[in-house]
N, C-alpha and C. Protein backbone atom coordinates (compact mmCIF):
# COMPACT_ATOMS: atom_id res chain seq x y z
N MET A 1 -10.59 -39.33 23.15
CA MET A 1 -10.95 -40.01 24.36
C MET A 1 -12.43 -39.76 24.63
N LYS A 2 -13.11 -40.77 25.04
CA LYS A 2 -14.52 -40.65 25.36
C LYS A 2 -14.68 -40.37 26.85
N THR A 3 -15.66 -39.53 27.16
CA THR A 3 -15.98 -39.25 28.56
C THR A 3 -17.45 -38.85 28.64
N THR A 4 -17.97 -38.86 29.83
CA THR A 4 -19.36 -38.46 30.04
C THR A 4 -19.38 -37.25 30.94
N LEU A 5 -20.11 -36.23 30.54
CA LEU A 5 -20.24 -35.01 31.32
C LEU A 5 -21.71 -34.72 31.58
N ASP A 6 -22.00 -34.19 32.73
CA ASP A 6 -23.37 -33.77 33.05
C ASP A 6 -23.37 -32.25 32.94
N LEU A 7 -23.83 -31.73 31.81
CA LEU A 7 -23.82 -30.29 31.56
C LEU A 7 -25.22 -29.71 31.64
N PRO A 8 -25.32 -28.45 32.01
CA PRO A 8 -26.64 -27.81 32.07
C PRO A 8 -27.30 -27.78 30.69
N ASP A 9 -28.62 -27.88 30.70
CA ASP A 9 -29.38 -27.91 29.44
C ASP A 9 -29.10 -26.70 28.56
N HIS A 10 -28.98 -25.52 29.17
CA HIS A 10 -28.77 -24.31 28.35
C HIS A 10 -27.45 -24.35 27.60
N LEU A 11 -26.42 -24.99 28.19
CA LEU A 11 -25.14 -25.10 27.48
C LEU A 11 -25.26 -26.06 26.30
N ILE A 12 -25.91 -27.17 26.51
CA ILE A 12 -26.09 -28.14 25.43
C ILE A 12 -26.89 -27.52 24.29
N THR A 13 -27.90 -26.75 24.64
CA THR A 13 -28.70 -26.06 23.61
C THR A 13 -27.83 -25.13 22.79
N GLU A 14 -26.98 -24.36 23.47
CA GLU A 14 -26.08 -23.44 22.76
C GLU A 14 -25.10 -24.19 21.86
N VAL A 15 -24.58 -25.29 22.36
CA VAL A 15 -23.66 -26.10 21.56
C VAL A 15 -24.37 -26.64 20.32
N LYS A 16 -25.59 -27.15 20.49
CA LYS A 16 -26.35 -27.67 19.35
C LYS A 16 -26.61 -26.59 18.32
N ILE A 17 -26.97 -25.40 18.77
CA ILE A 17 -27.23 -24.29 17.85
C ILE A 17 -25.97 -23.93 17.09
N ARG A 18 -24.86 -23.77 17.81
CA ARG A 18 -23.60 -23.40 17.15
C ARG A 18 -23.16 -24.49 16.17
N ALA A 19 -23.25 -25.73 16.59
CA ALA A 19 -22.84 -26.84 15.71
C ALA A 19 -23.69 -26.85 14.44
N ALA A 20 -24.98 -26.62 14.57
CA ALA A 20 -25.87 -26.62 13.40
C ALA A 20 -25.53 -25.45 12.48
N LYS A 21 -25.34 -24.27 13.05
CA LYS A 21 -25.03 -23.09 12.25
C LYS A 21 -23.71 -23.24 11.49
N GLU A 22 -22.74 -23.87 12.15
CA GLU A 22 -21.41 -24.01 11.56
C GLU A 22 -21.22 -25.35 10.85
N ARG A 23 -22.29 -26.15 10.84
CA ARG A 23 -22.24 -27.48 10.21
C ARG A 23 -21.05 -28.30 10.72
N ARG A 24 -20.96 -28.35 12.06
CA ARG A 24 -19.89 -29.08 12.72
C ARG A 24 -20.49 -30.08 13.69
N LYS A 25 -19.68 -31.00 14.13
CA LYS A 25 -20.12 -31.96 15.14
C LYS A 25 -20.09 -31.28 16.51
N MET A 26 -21.04 -31.69 17.36
CA MET A 26 -21.10 -31.13 18.71
C MET A 26 -19.78 -31.35 19.46
N LYS A 27 -19.19 -32.52 19.30
CA LYS A 27 -17.94 -32.80 20.02
C LYS A 27 -16.84 -31.84 19.62
N ASP A 28 -16.83 -31.41 18.36
CA ASP A 28 -15.81 -30.47 17.91
C ASP A 28 -16.04 -29.07 18.49
N VAL A 29 -17.30 -28.67 18.57
CA VAL A 29 -17.64 -27.37 19.16
C VAL A 29 -17.27 -27.36 20.64
N ILE A 30 -17.58 -28.44 21.34
CA ILE A 30 -17.26 -28.53 22.77
C ILE A 30 -15.75 -28.54 22.97
N ALA A 31 -15.02 -29.31 22.18
CA ALA A 31 -13.56 -29.37 22.31
C ALA A 31 -12.94 -27.99 22.08
N GLU A 32 -13.41 -27.29 21.06
CA GLU A 32 -12.89 -25.96 20.78
C GLU A 32 -13.17 -25.00 21.94
N ALA A 33 -14.38 -25.05 22.49
CA ALA A 33 -14.74 -24.17 23.60
C ALA A 33 -13.88 -24.46 24.83
N LEU A 34 -13.67 -25.74 25.12
CA LEU A 34 -12.82 -26.10 26.26
C LEU A 34 -11.39 -25.63 26.06
N GLU A 35 -10.88 -25.82 24.86
CA GLU A 35 -9.51 -25.40 24.56
C GLU A 35 -9.35 -23.89 24.70
N LYS A 36 -10.29 -23.14 24.14
CA LYS A 36 -10.22 -21.68 24.23
C LYS A 36 -10.34 -21.22 25.68
N GLY A 37 -11.27 -21.81 26.41
CA GLY A 37 -11.44 -21.45 27.81
C GLY A 37 -10.20 -21.75 28.64
N LEU A 38 -9.60 -22.89 28.38
CA LEU A 38 -8.40 -23.26 29.12
C LEU A 38 -7.25 -22.33 28.78
N MET A 39 -7.10 -21.97 27.53
CA MET A 39 -6.03 -21.06 27.12
C MET A 39 -6.21 -19.69 27.78
N ILE A 40 -7.43 -19.20 27.82
CA ILE A 40 -7.69 -17.91 28.47
C ILE A 40 -7.34 -17.99 29.95
N PHE A 41 -7.72 -19.09 30.59
CA PHE A 41 -7.40 -19.29 32.01
C PHE A 41 -5.89 -19.30 32.23
N LEU A 42 -5.18 -20.07 31.42
CA LEU A 42 -3.73 -20.16 31.57
C LEU A 42 -3.06 -18.83 31.28
N ASP A 43 -3.48 -18.15 30.22
CA ASP A 43 -2.90 -16.86 29.87
C ASP A 43 -3.11 -15.85 30.98
N THR A 44 -4.31 -15.81 31.54
CA THR A 44 -4.63 -14.87 32.60
C THR A 44 -3.79 -15.15 33.84
N ASN A 45 -3.69 -16.41 34.22
CA ASN A 45 -2.88 -16.76 35.38
C ASN A 45 -1.42 -16.39 35.17
N TYR A 46 -0.91 -16.63 33.99
CA TYR A 46 0.48 -16.28 33.68
C TYR A 46 0.69 -14.78 33.83
N LEU A 47 -0.22 -13.99 33.26
CA LEU A 47 -0.08 -12.54 33.32
C LEU A 47 -0.23 -12.01 34.74
N ILE A 48 -1.11 -12.61 35.52
CA ILE A 48 -1.24 -12.20 36.92
C ILE A 48 0.05 -12.48 37.68
N ARG A 49 0.62 -13.67 37.48
CA ARG A 49 1.90 -13.98 38.13
C ARG A 49 3.00 -13.04 37.64
N GLY A 50 2.87 -12.58 36.40
CA GLY A 50 3.84 -11.64 35.85
C GLY A 50 3.84 -10.28 36.53
N LEU A 51 2.77 -9.97 37.22
CA LEU A 51 2.68 -8.70 37.94
C LEU A 51 3.40 -8.75 39.29
N ILE A 52 3.79 -9.93 39.72
CA ILE A 52 4.45 -10.09 41.01
C ILE A 52 5.96 -10.03 40.80
N LYS A 53 6.56 -8.96 41.32
CA LYS A 53 7.99 -8.73 41.15
C LYS A 53 8.79 -9.92 41.67
N GLY A 54 9.76 -10.32 40.88
CA GLY A 54 10.65 -11.41 41.28
C GLY A 54 10.23 -12.78 40.79
N THR A 55 9.03 -12.91 40.22
CA THR A 55 8.62 -14.22 39.71
C THR A 55 9.26 -14.47 38.35
N GLU A 56 9.32 -15.73 37.99
CA GLU A 56 9.86 -16.09 36.68
C GLU A 56 9.05 -15.43 35.57
N GLU A 57 7.75 -15.37 35.75
CA GLU A 57 6.86 -14.78 34.76
C GLU A 57 7.13 -13.28 34.60
N SER A 58 7.40 -12.59 35.73
CA SER A 58 7.69 -11.15 35.62
C SER A 58 8.99 -10.93 34.86
N GLY A 59 9.95 -11.83 35.04
CA GLY A 59 11.20 -11.74 34.27
C GLY A 59 10.95 -11.92 32.79
N HIS A 60 10.10 -12.88 32.43
CA HIS A 60 9.76 -13.11 31.01
C HIS A 60 9.12 -11.86 30.42
N LEU A 61 8.15 -11.29 31.15
CA LEU A 61 7.44 -10.12 30.64
C LEU A 61 8.37 -8.92 30.52
N LEU A 62 9.28 -8.75 31.48
CA LEU A 62 10.23 -7.65 31.43
C LEU A 62 11.16 -7.79 30.23
N ARG A 63 11.71 -8.99 30.03
CA ARG A 63 12.60 -9.22 28.87
C ARG A 63 11.84 -9.00 27.56
N TRP A 64 10.60 -9.48 27.52
CA TRP A 64 9.79 -9.31 26.32
C TRP A 64 9.56 -7.83 26.03
N SER A 65 9.23 -7.06 27.06
CA SER A 65 8.95 -5.64 26.85
C SER A 65 10.20 -4.86 26.45
N GLU A 66 11.36 -5.32 26.93
CA GLU A 66 12.60 -4.61 26.62
C GLU A 66 13.22 -5.04 25.29
N THR A 67 13.06 -6.30 24.93
CA THR A 67 13.78 -6.82 23.76
C THR A 67 12.88 -7.34 22.65
N GLY A 68 11.62 -7.61 22.97
CA GLY A 68 10.72 -8.19 21.98
C GLY A 68 10.96 -9.67 21.75
N THR A 69 11.65 -10.32 22.71
CA THR A 69 11.92 -11.75 22.57
C THR A 69 10.63 -12.55 22.71
N GLU A 70 10.70 -13.81 22.37
CA GLU A 70 9.55 -14.72 22.46
C GLU A 70 9.00 -14.72 23.88
N LEU A 71 7.69 -14.56 24.00
CA LEU A 71 7.07 -14.49 25.31
C LEU A 71 6.63 -15.86 25.80
N ILE A 72 6.13 -16.71 24.93
CA ILE A 72 5.62 -18.01 25.35
C ILE A 72 6.78 -18.91 25.72
N THR A 73 6.68 -19.51 26.88
CA THR A 73 7.72 -20.42 27.35
C THR A 73 7.07 -21.71 27.82
N LYS A 74 7.88 -22.72 28.03
CA LYS A 74 7.35 -24.00 28.52
C LYS A 74 6.73 -23.82 29.89
N SER A 75 7.28 -22.94 30.71
CA SER A 75 6.75 -22.77 32.07
C SER A 75 5.39 -22.09 32.06
N TRP A 76 5.02 -21.45 30.95
CA TRP A 76 3.74 -20.76 30.83
C TRP A 76 2.59 -21.70 31.18
N TYR A 77 2.69 -22.95 30.77
CA TYR A 77 1.57 -23.88 30.92
C TYR A 77 1.78 -24.92 32.00
N HIS A 78 2.60 -24.64 32.97
CA HIS A 78 2.79 -25.57 34.10
C HIS A 78 1.87 -25.19 35.22
């Protein structure tokens, strides 16, 4: 999907440098950075909610710590 963003010059410079060093397209570097940033945001929010007793996330974390069951769930990214 095409879109237009107004980004600070220093970010564009960093993207250009990274893309050149890695011989990648700028759009791929930007997409990867957005994806990683979003995943960190979602993971952090999930873990914070997991600290609140009685939440669905705290139940997932408790079961995971006790049994080693799969931690990632569909609700993780809602």
